[in-house]
Amino acid sequence: MSKYVLIIFYSLLLISCEENELIKDPPTYEYDNCGFIADKIFDYYLFQDYFILKLNFSYMPDIIHSDTLMNDYYYLKIKNKYINGTYKITDANVRYKLNKIVPYDGISKKEYPFTISLYNKEVCVFLDLQNAESCECN
């Protein structure tokens, strides 16, 4: 009888260890669908709490038609290995293609104002916050 109990115990132990080995890190394909608009900085002006970027286009926030997915603002990341923050476009001048941008997260607040030149740097403009936070600007 004790022999059967030991066999059952070891088989359950073996099965439970095998199941734990099957649990792995989440696959990276969840973040592979990163849709963004690639743009380029032509000029910029730094102010105390915000900065102005001149890009190819102006990205006017759609605050009037905001939804629950937080798609009312555009978010951007600067394509540079030393700048890792996420920034929010709060206002835009369509005629002059100027975008008013504020630091959004803690990382961006620490790295602003920038110590490197932003002229001719590329940026990634994201329509939703989830993609901006989970995707890299490559």
C-alpha atoms as a PDB file:
ATOM      1  CA  MET A   1       0.000   0.000   0.000  1.00  0.00           C
ATOM      2  CA  SER A   2       2.738   2.476   0.930  1.00  0.00           C
ATOM      3  CA  LYS A   3       4.458   1.598  -2.334  1.00  0.00           C
ATOM      4  CA  TYR A   4       1.439   2.804  -4.312  1.00  0.00           C
ATOM      5  CA  VAL A   5       1.212   5.980  -2.241  1.00  0.00           C
ATOM      6  CA  LEU A   6       4.880   6.756  -2.953  1.00  0.00           C
ATOM      7  CA  ILE A   7       4.402   6.121  -6.678  1.00  0.00           C
ATOM      8  CA  ILE A   8       1.393   8.436  -6.788  1.00  0.00           C
ATOM      9  CA  PHE A   9       3.230  11.081  -4.748  1.00  0.00           C
ATOM     10  CA  TYR A  10       6.304  11.051  -7.025  1.00  0.00           C
ATOM     11  CA  SER A  11       4.189  11.069 -10.173  1.00  0.00           C
ATOM     12  CA  LEU A  12       2.229  14.100  -8.922  1.00  0.00           C
ATOM     13  CA  LEU A  13       5.486  15.800  -7.977  1.00  0.00           C
ATOM     14  CA  LEU A  14       6.913  15.100 -11.421  1.00  0.00           C
ATOM     15  CA  ILE A  15       3.773  16.396 -13.180  1.00  0.00           C
ATOM     16  CA  SER A  16       3.684  19.586 -11.104  1.00  0.00           C
ATOM     17  CA  CYS A  17       7.349  20.315 -11.865  1.00  0.00           C
ATOM     18  CA  GLU A  18       6.801  19.802 -15.573  1.00  0.00           C
ATOM     19  CA  GLU A  19       3.860  22.221 -15.604  1.00  0.00           C
ATOM     20  CA  ASN A  20       5.935  24.901 -13.871  1.00  0.00           C
ATOM     21  CA  GLU A  21       8.624  24.587 -16.518  1.00  0.00           C
ATOM     22  CA  LEU A  22       6.029  25.301 -19.205  1.00  0.00           C
ATOM     23  CA  ILE A  23       5.237  28.701 -17.710  1.00  0.00           C
ATOM     24  CA  LYS A  24       7.577  31.192 -19.398  1.00  0.00           C
ATOM     25  CA  ASP A  25       7.850  34.916 -19.959  1.00  0.00           C
ATOM     26  CA  PRO A  26       5.132  36.428 -22.144  1.00  0.00           C
ATOM     27  CA  PRO A  27       6.066  36.403 -25.822  1.00  0.00           C
ATOM     28  CA  THR A  28       7.192  39.650 -27.397  1.00  0.00           C
ATOM     29  CA  TYR A  29       4.628  39.488 -30.198  1.00  0.00           C
ATOM     30  CA  GLU A  30       2.202  41.389 -27.947  1.00  0.00           C
ATOM     31  CA  TYR A  31       4.253  44.541 -28.525  1.00  0.00           C
ATOM     32  CA  ASP A  32       5.174  44.000 -32.159  1.00  0.00           C
ATOM     33  CA  ASN A  33       2.084  45.840 -33.380  1.00  0.00           C
ATOM     34  CA  CYS A  34       3.384  49.334 -32.673  1.00  0.00           C
ATOM     35  CA  GLY A  35       1.747  51.754 -35.036  1.00  0.00           C
ATOM     36  CA  PHE A  36       3.316  55.199 -35.063  1.00  0.00           C
ATOM     37  CA  ILE A  37       3.905  58.104 -37.412  1.00  0.00           C
ATOM     38  CA  ALA A  38       7.566  58.780 -38.169  1.00  0.00           C
ATOM     39  CA  ASP A  39       8.385  62.480 -38.268  1.00  0.00           C
ATOM     40  CA  LYS A  40      11.436  64.732 -38.100  1.00  0.00           C
ATOM     41  CA  ILE A  41      12.307  67.740 -35.910  1.00  0.00           C
ATOM     42  CA  PHE A  42      13.148  70.843 -37.918  1.00  0.00           C
ATOM     43  CA  ASP A  43      13.276  73.351 -35.096  1.00  0.00           C
ATOM     44  CA  TYR A  44      12.579  73.467 -31.365  1.00  0.00           C
ATOM     45  CA  TYR A  45      12.251  75.989 -28.562  1.00  0.00           C
ATOM     46  CA  LEU A  46      12.673  75.065 -24.899  1.00  0.00           C
ATOM     47  CA  PHE A  47      10.597  76.779 -22.215  1.00  0.00           C
ATOM     48  CA  GLN A  48      10.200  76.168 -18.502  1.00  0.00           C
ATOM     49  CA  ASP A  49       7.429  73.534 -18.427  1.00  0.00           C
ATOM     50  CA  TYR A  50       7.051  72.711 -22.121  1.00  0.00           C
ATOM     51  CA  PHE A  51       8.776  72.934 -25.466  1.00  0.00           C
ATOM     52  CA  ILE A  52       7.761  73.640 -29.046  1.00  0.00           C
ATOM     53  CA  LEU A  53       8.707  71.301 -31.894  1.00  0.00           C
ATOM     54  CA  LYS A  54       8.450  72.152 -35.571  1.00  0.00           C
ATOM     55  CA  LEU A  55       7.683  68.906 -37.392  1.00  0.00           C
ATOM     56  CA  ASN A  56       6.460  67.941 -40.861  1.00  0.00           C
ATOM     57  CA  PHE A  57       2.892  68.020 -39.539  1.00  0.00           C
ATOM     58  CA  SER A  58       1.027  69.493 -36.624  1.00  0.00           C
ATOM     59  CA  TYR A  59      -0.777  67.030 -34.375  1.00  0.00           C
ATOM     60  CA  MET A  60      -3.805  68.802 -32.970  1.00  0.00           C
ATOM     61  CA  PRO A  61      -5.260  67.043 -29.894  1.00  0.00           C
ATOM     62  CA  ASP A  62      -8.867  65.978 -30.324  1.00  0.00           C
ATOM     63  CA  ILE A  63     -10.071  66.886 -26.835  1.00  0.00           C
ATOM     64  CA  ILE A  64     -13.662  67.506 -27.946  1.00  0.00           C
ATOM     65  CA  HIS A  65     -14.074  63.962 -29.287  1.00  0.00           C
ATOM     66  CA  SER A  66     -12.084  62.198 -26.567  1.00  0.00           C
ATOM     67  CA  ASP A  67     -12.901  58.592 -25.763  1.00  0.00           C
ATOM     68  CA  THR A  68     -12.184  56.169 -22.944  1.00  0.00           C
ATOM     69  CA  LEU A  69      -9.046  54.801 -24.598  1.00  0.00           C
ATOM     70  CA  MET A  70      -7.226  58.102 -24.005  1.00  0.00           C
ATOM     71  CA  ASN A  71      -6.938  58.795 -27.730  1.00  0.00           C
ATOM     72  CA  ASP A  72      -7.518  62.502 -27.254  1.00  0.00           C
ATOM     73  CA  TYR A  73      -3.800  63.401 -27.250  1.00  0.00           C
ATOM     74  CA  TYR A  74      -0.838  62.389 -29.376  1.00  0.00           C
ATOM     75  CA  TYR A  75       2.203  61.004 -27.594  1.00  0.00           C
ATOM     76  CA  LEU A  76       5.722  61.013 -28.934  1.00  0.00           C
ATOM     77  CA  LYS A  77       9.121  59.545 -28.298  1.00  0.00           C
ATOM     78  CA  ILE A  78      12.362  60.916 -29.641  1.00  0.00           C
ATOM     79  CA  LYS A  79      14.504  58.507 -31.623  1.00  0.00           C
ATOM     80  CA  ASN A  80      17.665  58.719 -29.557  1.00  0.00           C
ATOM     81  CA  LYS A  81      19.226  56.166 -27.229  1.00  0.00           C
ATOM     82  CA  TYR A  82      19.779  58.811 -24.521  1.00  0.00           C
ATOM     83  CA  ILE A  83      16.185  60.093 -24.485  1.00  0.00           C
ATOM     84  CA  ASN A  84      13.744  57.498 -23.169  1.00  0.00           C
ATOM     85  CA  GLY A  85      10.759  59.496 -21.971  1.00  0.00           C
ATOM     86  CA  THR A  86       7.244  59.775 -23.329  1.00  0.00           C
ATOM     87  CA  TYR A  87       5.952  63.249 -24.207  1.00  0.00           C
ATOM     88  CA  LYS A  88       2.405  64.519 -24.748  1.00  0.00           C
ATOM     89  CA  ILE A  89       1.359  66.966 -27.475  1.00  0.00           C
ATOM     90  CA  THR A  90      -1.067  69.344 -25.787  1.00  0.00           C
ATOM     91  CA  ASP A  91      -1.546  71.978 -28.492  1.00  0.00           C
ATOM     92  CA  ALA A  92      -0.589  72.637 -32.105  1.00  0.00           C
ATOM     93  CA  ASN A  93      -0.435  75.470 -34.597  1.00  0.00           C
ATOM     94  CA  VAL A  94      -1.503  73.931 -37.889  1.00  0.00           C
ATOM     95  CA  ARG A  95      -0.379  76.815 -40.070  1.00  0.00           C
ATOM     96  CA  TYR A  96       3.230  76.842 -38.852  1.00  0.00           C
ATOM     97  CA  LYS A  97       3.404  73.099 -38.010  1.00  0.00           C
ATOM     98  CA  LEU A  98       4.340  73.827 -34.400  1.00  0.00           C
ATOM     99  CA  ASN A  99       3.519  71.372 -31.621  1.00  0.00           C
ATOM    100  CA  LYS A 100       3.421  72.280 -27.915  1.00  0.00           C
ATOM    101  CA  ILE A 101       4.796  69.344 -25.967  1.00  0.00           C
ATOM    102  CA  VAL A 102       4.998  68.610 -22.244  1.00  0.00           C
ATOM    103  CA  PRO A 103       6.881  65.830 -20.451  1.00  0.00           C
ATOM    104  CA  TYR A 104       4.393  63.070 -19.629  1.00  0.00           C
ATOM    105  CA  ASP A 105       6.020  60.532 -17.319  1.00  0.00           C
ATOM    106  CA  GLY A 106       8.668  60.609 -14.606  1.00  0.00           C
ATOM    107  CA  ILE A 107      11.474  59.677 -16.983  1.00  0.00           C
ATOM    108  CA  SER A 108      10.663  62.531 -19.343  1.00  0.00           C
ATOM    109  CA  LYS A 109      10.419  65.043 -16.482  1.00  0.00           C
ATOM    110  CA  LYS A 110      13.914  64.071 -15.318  1.00  0.00           C
ATOM    111  CA  GLU A 111      15.541  64.282 -18.758  1.00  0.00           C
ATOM    112  CA  TYR A 112      13.913  67.623 -19.711  1.00  0.00           C
ATOM    113  CA  PRO A 113      15.442  70.129 -20.564  1.00  0.00           C
ATOM    114  CA  PHE A 114      17.622  68.222 -22.996  1.00  0.00           C
ATOM    115  CA  THR A 115      21.381  68.386 -22.956  1.00  0.00           C
ATOM    116  CA  ILE A 116      21.730  67.218 -26.553  1.00  0.00           C
ATOM    117  CA  SER A 117      20.665  68.928 -29.755  1.00  0.00           C
ATOM    118  CA  LEU A 118      17.347  67.837 -31.233  1.00  0.00           C
ATOM    119  CA  TYR A 119      17.851  69.279 -34.714  1.00  0.00           C
ATOM    120  CA  ASN A 120      17.128  66.730 -37.463  1.00  0.00           C
ATOM    121  CA  LYS A 121      16.278  64.006 -34.929  1.00  0.00           C
ATOM    122  CA  GLU A 122      13.473  61.624 -35.782  1.00  0.00           C
ATOM    123  CA  VAL A 123      10.425  61.200 -33.562  1.00  0.00           C
ATOM    124  CA  CYS A 124       7.696  58.604 -33.327  1.00  0.00           C
ATOM    125  CA  VAL A 125       4.190  59.991 -32.849  1.00  0.00           C
ATOM    126  CA  PHE A 126       1.750  57.541 -31.220  1.00  0.00           C
ATOM    127  CA  LEU A 127      -2.014  57.952 -31.239  1.00  0.00           C
ATOM    128  CA  ASP A 128      -2.656  56.039 -28.035  1.00  0.00           C
ATOM    129  CA  LEU A 129      -0.877  55.980 -24.711  1.00  0.00           C
ATOM    130  CA  GLN A 130      -0.660  52.183 -24.459  1.00  0.00           C
ATOM    131  CA  ASN A 131       1.435  51.923 -27.617  1.00  0.00           C
ATOM    132  CA  ALA A 132       3.578  54.871 -26.561  1.00  0.00           C
ATOM    133  CA  GLU A 133       4.385  53.260 -23.216  1.00  0.00           C
ATOM    134  CA  SER A 134       4.945  49.721 -24.467  1.00  0.00           C
ATOM    135  CA  CYS A 135       6.695  50.361 -27.802  1.00  0.00           C
ATOM    136  CA  GLU A 136      10.153  51.573 -28.605  1.00  0.00           C
ATOM    137  CA  CYS A 137      10.886  54.246 -31.178  1.00  0.00           C
ATOM    138  CA  ASN A 138      13.076  52.366 -33.654  1.00  0.00           C
END
